[in-house]
Structure formats: C-alpha cells, structure tokens
Amino acid sequence: MVIHKNFADFVLFLYIYMAHADGEFHEAERDVIKEKMKRLYPEDVDYNKKLNEELNLFDDFDKNQLKTLFKDTFNHFSSIKFPQKYKVFTDMYDIINADGKVDESETKALNALKEIIDISN
C-alpha cells in the first residue's frame, strides 16, 4: 500500500505520525516539522497548506494499516539510500523531543520505524 507520490510527502506523513505518537500534537512539534519542511520542499511551497493536507490524510488514514504503509512505501522508494533514511529517523527524534519530553509511546513508535528503516535499506 502506497499513498504518496513522492518521498517528501511520505516523510512529512512520518513526521506527523511521530508527532502524534503520544496522543497529542504539540505546538512545539508542529514548529519543528515546519522547520524541517524547508529541506523537503522548495521555497515556493505553502508549508501551512502542505502540512494541513498531510494532517488531513493522516487523520483519515486507518491507523491499523500504518505498519503496512510504512514498509510498502519504504520498499516503493527503494532508490532512497540509507543515509537519507537515517536523516529522516534523526529528524523524527527531534520532533518527539520538541515538547521537552519523550514518552514511552513515542520511543516505541520510533523504534518500530527504526526496524522498518533497517529492514528496507
């Protein structure tokens, strides 16, 4: 199952997933995501609009299908090399740490994604 046409949109979806891992979407996490979007998209992209589009996609997505989505999408974007995937992983740590604390649920979500990233490198 692949729902993103490009890797940048998928990464943004991952960022949103991590920000929600503790059940809340903190303003500090939103700010970190918006800052990281500057490396994902050209300057002429409306970051707020793009973030809201992915937030809506995330909200509407069946969360029981996330693991399948992540595995399939990483496999789909197989040309993405490990260093870029690792950068995404470290970015996600920055996001969950943005509110000043890392909950157990966030650690579990990050470790699950690390496993998927390692599987597909």
PDB file of N, CA and C in Angstrom:
ATOM      1  N   MET A   1       0.843  -1.172   0.000  1.00  0.00           N
ATOM      2  CA  MET A   1       0.000   0.000   0.000  1.00  0.00           C
ATOM      3  C   MET A   1       0.893   1.242   0.000  1.00  0.00           C
ATOM      4  N   VAL A   2       0.740   2.054  -1.020  1.00  0.00           N
ATOM      5  CA  VAL A   2       1.495   3.300  -1.141  1.00  0.00           C
ATOM      6  C   VAL A   2       0.494   4.415  -1.436  1.00  0.00           C
ATOM      7  N   ILE A   3       0.525   5.482  -0.628  1.00  0.00           N
ATOM      8  CA  ILE A   3      -0.438   6.570  -0.813  1.00  0.00           C
ATOM      9  C   ILE A   3       0.244   7.890  -1.179  1.00  0.00           C
ATOM     10  N   HIS A   4       1.577   7.881  -1.248  1.00  0.00           N
ATOM     11  CA  HIS A   4       2.313   9.113  -1.557  1.00  0.00           C
ATOM     12  C   HIS A   4       3.015   8.994  -2.902  1.00  0.00           C
ATOM     13  N   LYS A   5       2.961  10.075  -3.663  1.00  0.00           N
ATOM     14  CA  LYS A   5       3.573  10.097  -4.986  1.00  0.00           C
ATOM     15  C   LYS A   5       5.050  10.452  -4.936  1.00  0.00           C
ATOM     16  N   ASN A   6       5.482  11.071  -3.831  1.00  0.00           N
ATOM     17  CA  ASN A   6       6.894  11.427  -3.720  1.00  0.00           C
ATOM     18  C   ASN A   6       7.379  11.196  -2.290  1.00  0.00           C
ATOM     19  N   PHE A   7       8.693  11.064  -2.157  1.00  0.00           N
ATOM     20  CA  PHE A   7       9.270  10.737  -0.862  1.00  0.00           C
ATOM     21  C   PHE A   7       9.092  11.872   0.141  1.00  0.00           C
ATOM     22  N   ALA A   8       9.138  13.108  -0.302  1.00  0.00           N
ATOM     23  CA  ALA A   8       8.977  14.249   0.609  1.00  0.00           C
ATOM     24  C   ALA A   8       7.623  14.206   1.310  1.00  0.00           C
ATOM     25  N   ASP A   9       6.555  13.920   0.580  1.00  0.00           N
ATOM     26  CA  ASP A   9       5.225  13.843   1.194  1.00  0.00           C
ATOM     27  C   ASP A   9       5.150  12.685   2.194  1.00  0.00           C
ATOM     28  N   PHE A  10       5.785  11.574   1.861  1.00  0.00           N
ATOM     29  CA  PHE A  10       5.820  10.438   2.775  1.00  0.00           C
ATOM     30  C   PHE A  10       6.575  10.802   4.056  1.00  0.00           C
ATOM     31  N   VAL A  11       7.687  11.494   3.916  1.00  0.00           N
ATOM     32  CA  VAL A  11       8.464  11.914   5.086  1.00  0.00           C
ATOM     33  C   VAL A  11       7.623  12.837   5.965  1.00  0.00           C
ATOM     34  N   LEU A  12       6.921  13.761   5.353  1.00  0.00           N
ATOM     35  CA  LEU A  12       6.054  14.651   6.116  1.00  0.00           C
ATOM     36  C   LEU A  12       4.990  13.840   6.872  1.00  0.00           C
ATOM     37  N   PHE A  13       4.436  12.832   6.236  1.00  0.00           N
ATOM     38  CA  PHE A  13       3.465  11.946   6.878  1.00  0.00           C
ATOM     39  C   PHE A  13       4.111  11.242   8.077  1.00  0.00           C
ATOM     40  N   LEU A  14       5.353  10.779   7.920  1.00  0.00           N
ATOM     41  CA  LEU A  14       6.072  10.155   9.027  1.00  0.00           C
ATOM     42  C   LEU A  14       6.271  11.135  10.177  1.00  0.00           C
ATOM     43  N   TYR A  15       6.632  12.365   9.852  1.00  0.00           N
ATOM     44  CA  TYR A  15       6.812  13.382  10.887  1.00  0.00           C
ATOM     45  C   TYR A  15       5.522  13.580  11.673  1.00  0.00           C
ATOM     46  N   ILE A  16       4.416  13.635  10.965  1.00  0.00           N
ATOM     47  CA  ILE A  16       3.114  13.821  11.611  1.00  0.00           C
ATOM     48  C   ILE A  16       2.780  12.608  12.483  1.00  0.00           C
ATOM     49  N   TYR A  17       3.060  11.434  11.968  1.00  0.00           N
ATOM     50  CA  TYR A  17       2.850  10.209  12.752  1.00  0.00           C
ATOM     51  C   TYR A  17       3.630  10.274  14.060  1.00  0.00           C
ATOM     52  N   MET A  18       4.898  10.650  13.990  1.00  0.00           N
ATOM     53  CA  MET A  18       5.715  10.714  15.204  1.00  0.00           C
ATOM     54  C   MET A  18       5.195  11.774  16.163  1.00  0.00           C
ATOM     55  N   ALA A  19       4.769  12.894  15.637  1.00  0.00           N
ATOM     56  CA  ALA A  19       4.251  13.966  16.491  1.00  0.00           C
ATOM     57  C   ALA A  19       2.996  13.519  17.234  1.00  0.00           C
ATOM     58  N   HIS A  20       2.243  12.597  16.654  1.00  0.00           N
ATOM     59  CA  HIS A  20       1.012  12.100  17.273  1.00  0.00           C
ATOM     60  C   HIS A  20       1.227  10.854  18.130  1.00  0.00           C
ATOM     61  N   ALA A  21       2.442  10.347  18.188  1.00  0.00           N
ATOM     62  CA  ALA A  21       2.703   9.068  18.856  1.00  0.00           C
ATOM     63  C   ALA A  21       2.300   9.062  20.326  1.00  0.00           C
ATOM     64  N   ASP A  22       2.341  10.221  20.973  1.00  0.00           N
ATOM     65  CA  ASP A  22       1.956  10.291  22.386  1.00  0.00           C
ATOM     66  C   ASP A  22       0.492  10.694  22.563  1.00  0.00           C
ATOM     67  N   GLY A  23      -0.241  10.740  21.461  1.00  0.00           N
ATOM     68  CA  GLY A  23      -1.658  11.075  21.524  1.00  0.00           C
ATOM     69  C   GLY A  23      -1.958  12.555  21.430  1.00  0.00           C
ATOM     70  N   GLU A  24      -0.920  13.380  21.346  1.00  0.00           N
ATOM     71  CA  GLU A  24      -1.094  14.830  21.248  1.00  0.00           C
ATOM     72  C   GLU A  24      -0.212  15.377  20.133  1.00  0.00           C
ATOM     73  N   PHE A  25      -0.645  16.497  19.581  1.00  0.00           N
ATOM     74  CA  PHE A  25       0.165  17.179  18.571  1.00  0.00           C
ATOM     75  C   PHE A  25       0.505  18.548  19.152  1.00  0.00           C
ATOM     76  N   HIS A  26       1.675  18.627  19.779  1.00  0.00           N
ATOM     77  CA  HIS A  26       2.100  19.839  20.475  1.00  0.00           C
ATOM     78  C   HIS A  26       2.514  20.925  19.481  1.00  0.00           C
ATOM     79  N   GLU A  27       2.313  22.143  19.865  1.00  0.00           N
ATOM     80  CA  GLU A  27       2.700  23.287  19.023  1.00  0.00           C
ATOM     81  C   GLU A  27       4.207  23.263  18.733  1.00  0.00           C
ATOM     82  N   ALA A  28       5.003  22.870  19.724  1.00  0.00           N
ATOM     83  CA  ALA A  28       6.457  22.793  19.522  1.00  0.00           C
ATOM     84  C   ALA A  28       6.804  21.752  18.454  1.00  0.00           C
ATOM     85  N   GLU A  29       6.063  20.646  18.433  1.00  0.00           N
ATOM     86  CA  GLU A  29       6.285  19.615  17.412  1.00  0.00           C
ATOM     87  C   GLU A  29       5.904  20.150  16.032  1.00  0.00           C
ATOM     88  N   ARG A  30       4.815  20.879  15.972  1.00  0.00           N
ATOM     89  CA  ARG A  30       4.389  21.494  14.713  1.00  0.00           C
ATOM     90  C   ARG A  30       5.478  22.449  14.197  1.00  0.00           C
ATOM     91  N   ASP A  31       6.047  23.226  15.096  1.00  0.00           N
ATOM     92  CA  ASP A  31       7.092  24.178  14.708  1.00  0.00           C
ATOM     93  C   ASP A  31       8.329  23.465  14.166  1.00  0.00           C
ATOM     94  N   VAL A  32       8.725  22.374  14.814  1.00  0.00           N
ATOM     95  CA  VAL A  32       9.888  21.606  14.349  1.00  0.00           C
ATOM     96  C   VAL A  32       9.595  21.014  12.972  1.00  0.00           C
ATOM     97  N   ILE A  33       8.405  20.480  12.791  1.00  0.00           N
ATOM     98  CA  ILE A  33       8.032  19.913  11.488  1.00  0.00           C
ATOM     99  C   ILE A  33       8.091  20.993  10.409  1.00  0.00           C
ATOM    100  N   LYS A  34       7.532  22.152  10.686  1.00  0.00           N
ATOM    101  CA  LYS A  34       7.537  23.225   9.685  1.00  0.00           C
ATOM    102  C   LYS A  34       8.963  23.651   9.334  1.00  0.00           C
ATOM    103  N   GLU A  35       9.843  23.644  10.313  1.00  0.00           N
ATOM    104  CA  GLU A  35      11.249  23.978  10.053  1.00  0.00           C
ATOM    105  C   GLU A  35      11.896  22.912   9.161  1.00  0.00           C
ATOM    106  N   LYS A  36      11.601  21.659   9.426  1.00  0.00           N
ATOM    107  CA  LYS A  36      12.181  20.558   8.642  1.00  0.00           C
ATOM    108  C   LYS A  36      11.591  20.497   7.228  1.00  0.00           C
ATOM    109  N   MET A  37      10.391  21.017   7.058  1.00  0.00           N
ATOM    110  CA  MET A  37       9.771  21.049   5.735  1.00  0.00           C
ATOM    111  C   MET A  37      10.574  21.907   4.762  1.00  0.00           C
ATOM    112  N   LYS A  38      11.328  22.848   5.266  1.00  0.00           N
ATOM    113  CA  LYS A  38      12.130  23.723   4.403  1.00  0.00           C
ATOM    114  C   LYS A  38      13.188  22.929   3.640  1.00  0.00           C
ATOM    115  N   ARG A  39      13.595  21.783   4.196  1.00  0.00           N
ATOM    116  CA  ARG A  39      14.561  20.928   3.499  1.00  0.00           C
ATOM    117  C   ARG A  39      13.862  19.935   2.578  1.00  0.00           C
ATOM    118  N   LEU A  40      12.578  19.710   2.810  1.00  0.00           N
ATOM    119  CA  LEU A  40      11.838  18.747   1.992  1.00  0.00           C
ATOM    120  C   LEU A  40      11.274  19.344   0.715  1.00  0.00           C
ATOM    121  N   TYR A  41      10.887  20.635   0.804  1.00  0.00           N
ATOM    122  CA  TYR A  41      10.145  21.263  -0.292  1.00  0.00           C
ATOM    123  C   TYR A  41      10.806  22.561  -0.738  1.00  0.00           C
ATOM    124  N   PRO A  42      10.563  22.954  -1.990  1.00  0.00           N
ATOM    125  CA  PRO A  42      11.077  24.245  -2.475  1.00  0.00           C
ATOM    126  C   PRO A  42      10.453  25.414  -1.702  1.00  0.00           C
ATOM    127  N   GLU A  43      11.100  26.541  -1.768  1.00  0.00           N
ATOM    128  CA  GLU A  43      10.648  27.729  -1.044  1.00  0.00           C
ATOM    129  C   GLU A  43       9.255  28.195  -1.458  1.00  0.00           C
ATOM    130  N   ASP A  44       8.849  27.926  -2.695  1.00  0.00           N
ATOM    131  CA  ASP A  44       7.560  28.434  -3.173  1.00  0.00           C
ATOM    132  C   ASP A  44       6.362  27.594  -2.714  1.00  0.00           C
ATOM    133  N   VAL A  45       6.613  26.542  -1.951  1.00  0.00           N
ATOM    134  CA  VAL A  45       5.530  25.712  -1.435  1.00  0.00           C
ATOM    135  C   VAL A  45       4.912  26.400  -0.220  1.00  0.00           C
ATOM    136  N   ASP A  46       3.585  26.355  -0.143  1.00  0.00           N
ATOM    137  CA  ASP A  46       2.869  26.878   1.020  1.00  0.00           C
ATOM    138  C   ASP A  46       2.950  25.807   2.114  1.00  0.00           C
ATOM    139  N   TYR A  47       3.867  26.003   3.063  1.00  0.00           N
ATOM    140  CA  TYR A  47       4.125  24.996   4.089  1.00  0.00           C
ATOM    141  C   TYR A  47       2.892  24.715   4.951  1.00  0.00           C
ATOM    142  N   ASN A  48       2.150  25.752   5.290  1.00  0.00           N
ATOM    143  CA  ASN A  48       0.944  25.543   6.106  1.00  0.00           C
ATOM    144  C   ASN A  48      -0.085  24.701   5.361  1.00  0.00           C
ATOM    145  N   LYS A  49      -0.277  25.001   4.088  1.00  0.00           N
ATOM    146  CA  LYS A  49      -1.240  24.243   3.282  1.00  0.00           C
ATOM    147  C   LYS A  49      -0.790  22.787   3.149  1.00  0.00           C
ATOM    148  N   LYS A  50       0.488  22.591   2.854  1.00  0.00           N
ATOM    149  CA  LYS A  50       1.024  21.239   2.692  1.00  0.00           C
ATOM    150  C   LYS A  50       0.904  20.453   3.996  1.00  0.00           C
ATOM    151  N   LEU A  51       1.230  21.090   5.109  1.00  0.00           N
ATOM    152  CA  LEU A  51       1.118  20.431   6.410  1.00  0.00           C
ATOM    153  C   LEU A  51      -0.334  20.060   6.704  1.00  0.00           C
ATOM    154  N   ASN A  52      -1.248  20.969   6.436  1.00  0.00           N
ATOM    155  CA  ASN A  52      -2.665  20.685   6.676  1.00  0.00           C
ATOM    156  C   ASN A  52      -3.186  19.558   5.793  1.00  0.00           C
ATOM    157  N   GLU A  53      -2.720  19.495   4.542  1.00  0.00           N
ATOM    158  CA  GLU A  53      -3.129  18.405   3.643  1.00  0.00           C
ATOM    159  C   GLU A  53      -2.678  17.056   4.202  1.00  0.00           C
ATOM    160  N   GLU A  54      -1.435  16.992   4.648  1.00  0.00           N
ATOM    161  CA  GLU A  54      -0.922  15.725   5.196  1.00  0.00           C
ATOM    162  C   GLU A  54      -1.572  15.400   6.538  1.00  0.00           C
ATOM    163  N   LEU A  55      -1.870  16.419   7.327  1.00  0.00           N
ATOM    164  CA  LEU A  55      -2.592  16.188   8.589  1.00  0.00           C
ATOM    165  C   LEU A  55      -3.964  15.573   8.329  1.00  0.00           C
ATOM    166  N   ASN A  56      -4.663  16.082   7.327  1.00  0.00           N
ATOM    167  CA  ASN A  56      -5.973  15.524   6.960  1.00  0.00           C
ATOM    168  C   ASN A  56      -5.834  14.089   6.475  1.00  0.00           C
ATOM    169  N   LEU A  57      -4.806  13.837   5.671  1.00  0.00           N
ATOM    170  CA  LEU A  57      -4.561  12.479   5.183  1.00  0.00           C
ATOM    171  C   LEU A  57      -4.275  11.544   6.358  1.00  0.00           C
ATOM    172  N   PHE A  58      -3.457  12.003   7.278  1.00  0.00           N
ATOM    173  CA  PHE A  58      -3.139  11.200   8.463  1.00  0.00           C
ATOM    174  C   PHE A  58      -4.388  10.939   9.308  1.00  0.00           C
ATOM    175  N   ASP A  59      -5.166  11.980   9.544  1.00  0.00           N
ATOM    176  CA  ASP A  59      -6.383  11.836  10.358  1.00  0.00           C
ATOM    177  C   ASP A  59      -7.351  10.835   9.753  1.00  0.00           C
ATOM    178  N   ASP A  60      -7.452  10.814   8.433  1.00  0.00           N
ATOM    179  CA  ASP A  60      -8.402   9.941   7.738  1.00  0.00           C
ATOM    180  C   ASP A  60      -7.871   8.523   7.522  1.00  0.00           C
ATOM    181  N   PHE A  61      -6.567   8.329   7.725  1.00  0.00           N
ATOM    182  CA  PHE A  61      -5.958   7.032   7.432  1.00  0.00           C
ATOM    183  C   PHE A  61      -6.249   6.029   8.546  1.00  0.00           C
ATOM    184  N   ASP A  62      -6.512   4.780   8.166  1.00  0.00           N
ATOM    185  CA  ASP A  62      -6.742   3.693   9.119  1.00  0.00           C
ATOM    186  C   ASP A  62      -5.418   3.373   9.816  1.00  0.00           C
ATOM    187  N   LYS A  63      -5.328   3.722  11.097  1.00  0.00           N
ATOM    188  CA  LYS A  63      -4.069   3.578  11.841  1.00  0.00           C
ATOM    189  C   LYS A  63      -3.638   2.117  11.961  1.00  0.00           C
ATOM    190  N   ASN A  64      -4.558   1.177  11.803  1.00  0.00           N
ATOM    191  CA  ASN A  64      -4.200  -0.245  11.830  1.00  0.00           C
ATOM    192  C   ASN A  64      -3.372  -0.646  10.613  1.00  0.00           C
ATOM    193  N   GLN A  65      -3.359   0.204   9.600  1.00  0.00           N
ATOM    194  CA  GLN A  65      -2.633  -0.090   8.366  1.00  0.00           C
ATOM    195  C   GLN A  65      -1.276   0.632   8.287  1.00  0.00           C
ATOM    196  N   LEU A  66      -0.898   1.329   9.347  1.00  0.00           N
ATOM    197  CA  LEU A  66       0.329   2.129   9.296  1.00  0.00           C
ATOM    198  C   LEU A  66       1.585   1.302   9.045  1.00  0.00           C
ATOM    199  N   LYS A  67       1.741   0.195   9.739  1.00  0.00           N
ATOM    200  CA  LYS A  67       2.944  -0.614   9.562  1.00  0.00           C
ATOM    201  C   LYS A  67       3.077  -1.086   8.113  1.00  0.00           C
ATOM    202  N   THR A  68       1.974  -1.535   7.548  1.00  0.00           N
ATOM    203  CA  THR A  68       1.974  -1.964   6.143  1.00  0.00           C
ATOM    204  C   THR A  68       2.326  -0.786   5.229  1.00  0.00           C
ATOM    205  N   LEU A  69       1.713   0.353   5.491  1.00  0.00           N
ATOM    206  CA  LEU A  69       2.006   1.554   4.696  1.00  0.00           C
ATOM    207  C   LEU A  69       3.485   1.896   4.753  1.00  0.00           C
ATOM    208  N   PHE A  70       4.056   1.900   5.941  1.00  0.00           N
ATOM    209  CA  PHE A  70       5.459   2.274   6.095  1.00  0.00           C
ATOM    210  C   PHE A  70       6.380   1.300   5.372  1.00  0.00           C
ATOM    211  N   LYS A  71       6.165   0.014   5.557  1.00  0.00           N
ATOM    212  CA  LYS A  71       7.009  -0.991   4.888  1.00  0.00           C
ATOM    213  C   LYS A  71       6.883  -0.888   3.367  1.00  0.00           C
ATOM    214  N   ASP A  72       5.653  -0.849   2.900  1.00  0.00           N
ATOM    215  CA  ASP A  72       5.428  -0.807   1.452  1.00  0.00           C
ATOM    216  C   ASP A  72       6.000   0.466   0.832  1.00  0.00           C
ATOM    217  N   THR A  73       5.861   1.581   1.534  1.00  0.00           N
ATOM    218  CA  THR A  73       6.332   2.849   0.968  1.00  0.00           C
ATOM    219  C   THR A  73       7.852   2.911   0.969  1.00  0.00           C
ATOM    220  N   PHE A  74       8.491   2.450   2.025  1.00  0.00           N
ATOM    221  CA  PHE A  74       9.955   2.406   2.012  1.00  0.00           C
ATOM    222  C   PHE A  74      10.445   1.487   0.895  1.00  0.00           C
ATOM    223  N   ASN A  75       9.769   0.372   0.685  1.00  0.00           N
ATOM    224  CA  ASN A  75      10.137  -0.519  -0.425  1.00  0.00           C
ATOM    225  C   ASN A  75       9.897   0.146  -1.770  1.00  0.00           C
ATOM    226  N   HIS A  76       8.804   0.897  -1.889  1.00  0.00           N
ATOM    227  CA  HIS A  76       8.478   1.598  -3.127  1.00  0.00           C
ATOM    228  C   HIS A  76       9.560   2.626  -3.478  1.00  0.00           C
ATOM    229  N   PHE A  77      10.024   3.346  -2.471  1.00  0.00           N
ATOM    230  CA  PHE A  77      11.076   4.340  -2.685  1.00  0.00           C
ATOM    231  C   PHE A  77      12.443   3.714  -2.401  1.00  0.00           C
ATOM    232  N   SER A  78      12.687   2.578  -3.023  1.00  0.00           N
ATOM    233  CA  SER A  78      13.910   1.818  -2.772  1.00  0.00           C
ATOM    234  C   SER A  78      15.178   2.542  -3.228  1.00  0.00           C
ATOM    235  N   SER A  79      15.035   3.543  -4.066  1.00  0.00           N
ATOM    236  CA  SER A  79      16.212   4.293  -4.511  1.00  0.00           C
ATOM    237  C   SER A  79      16.738   5.234  -3.425  1.00  0.00           C
ATOM    238  N   ILE A  80      15.955   5.437  -2.370  1.00  0.00           N
ATOM    239  CA  ILE A  80      16.386   6.283  -1.259  1.00  0.00           C
ATOM    240  C   ILE A  80      17.429   5.509  -0.463  1.00  0.00           C
ATOM    241  N   LYS A  81      18.603   6.080  -0.340  1.00  0.00           N
ATOM    242  CA  LYS A  81      19.716   5.409   0.317  1.00  0.00           C
ATOM    243  C   LYS A  81      19.630   5.540   1.834  1.00  0.00           C
ATOM    244  N   PHE A  82      20.350   4.653   2.512  1.00  0.00           N
ATOM    245  CA  PHE A  82      20.318   4.601   3.965  1.00  0.00           C
ATOM    246  C   PHE A  82      20.646   5.935   4.635  1.00  0.00           C
ATOM    247  N   PRO A  83      21.647   6.699   4.185  1.00  0.00           N
ATOM    248  CA  PRO A  83      21.923   7.976   4.867  1.00  0.00           C
ATOM    249  C   PRO A  83      20.720   8.922   4.895  1.00  0.00           C
ATOM    250  N   GLN A  84      19.955   8.962   3.813  1.00  0.00           N
ATOM    251  CA  GLN A  84      18.772   9.821   3.783  1.00  0.00           C
ATOM    252  C   GLN A  84      17.697   9.277   4.725  1.00  0.00           C
ATOM    253  N   LYS A  85      17.537   7.954   4.753  1.00  0.00           N
ATOM    254  CA  LYS A  85      16.576   7.347   5.670  1.00  0.00           C
ATOM    255  C   LYS A  85      16.986   7.618   7.118  1.00  0.00           C
ATOM    256  N   TYR A  86      18.285   7.534   7.381  1.00  0.00           N
ATOM    257  CA  TYR A  86      18.769   7.779   8.740  1.00  0.00           C
ATOM    258  C   TYR A  86      18.510   9.224   9.145  1.00  0.00           C
ATOM    259  N   LYS A  87      18.650  10.157   8.218  1.00  0.00           N
ATOM    260  CA  LYS A  87      18.365  11.557   8.498  1.00  0.00           C
ATOM    261  C   LYS A  87      16.891  11.728   8.868  1.00  0.00           C
ATOM    262  N   VAL A  88      16.011  11.043   8.169  1.00  0.00           N
ATOM    263  CA  VAL A  88      14.584  11.077   8.496  1.00  0.00           C
ATOM    264  C   VAL A  88      14.378  10.563   9.918  1.00  0.00           C
ATOM    265  N   PHE A  89      15.067   9.477  10.252  1.00  0.00           N
ATOM    266  CA  PHE A  89      14.959   8.906  11.596  1.00  0.00           C
ATOM    267  C   PHE A  89      15.413   9.920  12.655  1.00  0.00           C
ATOM    268  N   THR A  90      16.536  10.574  12.443  1.00  0.00           N
ATOM    269  CA  THR A  90      17.015  11.553  13.428  1.00  0.00           C
ATOM    270  C   THR A  90      16.089  12.762  13.501  1.00  0.00           C
ATOM    271  N   ASP A  91      15.509  13.147  12.372  1.00  0.00           N
ATOM    272  CA  ASP A  91      14.523  14.232  12.372  1.00  0.00           C
ATOM    273  C   ASP A  91      13.326  13.867  13.252  1.00  0.00           C
ATOM    274  N   MET A  92      12.905  12.613  13.172  1.00  0.00           N
ATOM    275  CA  MET A  92      11.753  12.189  13.966  1.00  0.00           C
ATOM    276  C   MET A  92      12.070  12.248  15.456  1.00  0.00           C
ATOM    277  N   TYR A  93      13.306  11.957  15.825  1.00  0.00           N
ATOM    278  CA  TYR A  93      13.692  12.097  17.227  1.00  0.00           C
ATOM    279  C   TYR A  93      13.587  13.561  17.654  1.00  0.00           C
ATOM    280  N   ASP A  94      14.033  14.467  16.794  1.00  0.00           N
ATOM    281  CA  ASP A  94      13.905  15.900  17.090  1.00  0.00           C
ATOM    282  C   ASP A  94      12.444  16.287  17.323  1.00  0.00           C
ATOM    283  N   ILE A  95      11.561  15.706  16.540  1.00  0.00           N
ATOM    284  CA  ILE A  95      10.132  16.031  16.649  1.00  0.00           C
ATOM    285  C   ILE A  95       9.560  15.546  17.977  1.00  0.00           C
ATOM    286  N   ILE A  96       9.846  14.301  18.350  1.00  0.00           N
ATOM    287  CA  ILE A  96       9.269  13.800  19.606  1.00  0.00           C
ATOM    288  C   ILE A  96       9.904  14.461  20.823  1.00  0.00           C
ATOM    289  N   ASN A  97      11.081  15.012  20.652  1.00  0.00           N
ATOM    290  CA  ASN A  97      11.769  15.683  21.751  1.00  0.00           C
ATOM    291  C   ASN A  97      11.406  17.171  21.828  1.00  0.00           C
ATOM    292  N   ALA A  98      10.660  17.663  20.873  1.00  0.00           N
ATOM    293  CA  ALA A  98      10.358  19.101  20.772  1.00  0.00           C
ATOM    294  C   ALA A  98       9.608  19.640  21.982  1.00  0.00           C
ATOM    295  N   ASP A  99       8.761  18.819  22.587  1.00  0.00           N
ATOM    296  CA  ASP A  99       7.986  19.289  23.738  1.00  0.00           C
ATOM    297  C   ASP A  99       8.739  19.123  25.054  1.00  0.00           C
ATOM    298  N   GLY A 100       9.999  18.700  24.981  1.00  0.00           N
ATOM    299  CA  GLY A 100      10.839  18.610  26.169  1.00  0.00           C
ATOM    300  C   GLY A 100      10.827  17.267  26.867  1.00  0.00           C
ATOM    301  N   LYS A 101      10.009  16.339  26.396  1.00  0.00           N
ATOM    302  CA  LYS A 101       9.984  15.009  26.998  1.00  0.00           C
ATOM    303  C   LYS A 101       9.666  13.974  25.919  1.00  0.00           C
ATOM    304  N   VAL A 102      10.211  12.787  26.112  1.00  0.00           N
ATOM    305  CA  VAL A 102       9.949  11.687  25.189  1.00  0.00           C
ATOM    306  C   VAL A 102       9.199  10.615  25.958  1.00  0.00           C
ATOM    307  N   ASP A 103       7.932  10.411  25.611  1.00  0.00           N
ATOM    308  CA  ASP A 103       7.093   9.412  26.271  1.00  0.00           C
ATOM    309  C   ASP A 103       7.437   8.014  25.771  1.00  0.00           C
ATOM    310  N   GLU A 104       7.047   7.016  26.555  1.00  0.00           N
ATOM    311  CA  GLU A 104       7.279   5.626  26.176  1.00  0.00           C
ATOM    312  C   GLU A 104       6.612   5.296  24.841  1.00  0.00           C
ATOM    313  N   SER A 105       5.413   5.853  24.611  1.00  0.00           N
ATOM    314  CA  SER A 105       4.712   5.595  23.348  1.00  0.00           C
ATOM    315  C   SER A 105       5.507   6.138  22.163  1.00  0.00           C
ATOM    316  N   GLU A 106       6.162   7.260  22.367  1.00  0.00           N
ATOM    317  CA  GLU A 106       6.980   7.848  21.297  1.00  0.00           C
ATOM    318  C   GLU A 106       8.225   7.003  21.047  1.00  0.00           C
ATOM    319  N   THR A 107       8.825   6.512  22.118  1.00  0.00           N
ATOM    320  CA  THR A 107      10.001   5.647  21.978  1.00  0.00           C
ATOM    321  C   THR A 107       9.648   4.375  21.226  1.00  0.00           C
ATOM    322  N   LYS A 108       8.502   3.783  21.563  1.00  0.00           N
ATOM    323  CA  LYS A 108       8.049   2.561  20.879  1.00  0.00           C
ATOM    324  C   LYS A 108       7.816   2.831  19.389  1.00  0.00           C
ATOM    325  N   ALA A 109       7.160   3.935  19.079  1.00  0.00           N
ATOM    326  CA  ALA A 109       6.882   4.275  17.678  1.00  0.00           C
ATOM    327  C   ALA A 109       8.181   4.497  16.912  1.00  0.00           C
ATOM    328  N   LEU A 110       9.122   5.184  17.541  1.00  0.00           N
ATOM    329  CA  LEU A 110      10.409   5.458  16.885  1.00  0.00           C
ATOM    330  C   LEU A 110      11.176   4.160  16.655  1.00  0.00           C
ATOM    331  N   ASN A 111      11.191   3.274  17.641  1.00  0.00           N
ATOM    332  CA  ASN A 111      11.894   2.001  17.490  1.00  0.00           C
ATOM    333  C   ASN A 111      11.255   1.124  16.422  1.00  0.00           C
ATOM    334  N   ALA A 112       9.939   1.138  16.335  1.00  0.00           N
ATOM    335  CA  ALA A 112       9.257   0.363  15.295  1.00  0.00           C
ATOM    336  C   ALA A 112       9.639   0.876  13.906  1.00  0.00           C
ATOM    337  N   LEU A 113       9.702   2.194  13.771  1.00  0.00           N
ATOM    338  CA  LEU A 113      10.106   2.756  12.474  1.00  0.00           C
ATOM    339  C   LEU A 113      11.573   2.478  12.186  1.00  0.00           C
ATOM    340  N   LYS A 114      12.400   2.498  13.201  1.00  0.00           N
ATOM    341  CA  LYS A 114      13.818   2.188  13.000  1.00  0.00           C
ATOM    342  C   LYS A 114      13.968   0.780  12.428  1.00  0.00           C
ATOM    343  N   GLU A 115      13.182  -0.145  12.965  1.00  0.00           N
ATOM    344  CA  GLU A 115      13.209  -1.510  12.473  1.00  0.00           C
ATOM    345  C   GLU A 115      12.805  -1.572  10.998  1.00  0.00           C
ATOM    346  N   ILE A 116      11.772  -0.846  10.642  1.00  0.00           N
ATOM    347  CA  ILE A 116      11.310  -0.821   9.251  1.00  0.00           C
ATOM    348  C   ILE A 116      12.367  -0.189   8.345  1.00  0.00           C
ATOM    349  N   ILE A 117      12.959   0.886   8.794  1.00  0.00           N
ATOM    350  CA  ILE A 117      14.004   1.554   8.005  1.00  0.00           C
ATOM    351  C   ILE A 117      15.187   0.608   7.817  1.00  0.00           C
ATOM    352  N   ASP A 118      15.595  -0.069   8.860  1.00  0.00           N
ATOM    353  CA  ASP A 118      16.722  -1.009   8.770  1.00  0.00           C
ATOM    354  C   ASP A 118      16.407  -2.180   7.850  1.00  0.00           C
ATOM    355  N   ILE A 119      15.166  -2.664   7.883  1.00  0.00           N
ATOM    356  CA  ILE A 119      14.753  -3.774   7.034  1.00  0.00           C
ATOM    357  C   ILE A 119      14.847  -3.401   5.561  1.00  0.00           C
ATOM    358  N   SER A 120      14.533  -2.151   5.258  1.00  0.00           N
ATOM    359  CA  SER A 120      14.405  -1.766   3.850  1.00  0.00           C
ATOM    360  C   SER A 120      15.624  -1.039   3.306  1.00  0.00           C
ATOM    361  N   ASN A 121      16.756  -1.079   4.019  1.00  0.00           N
ATOM    362  CA  ASN A 121      17.917  -0.317   3.497  1.00  0.00           C
ATOM    363  C   ASN A 121      18.641  -1.051   2.405  1.00  0.00           C
TER     364      ASN A 121
END
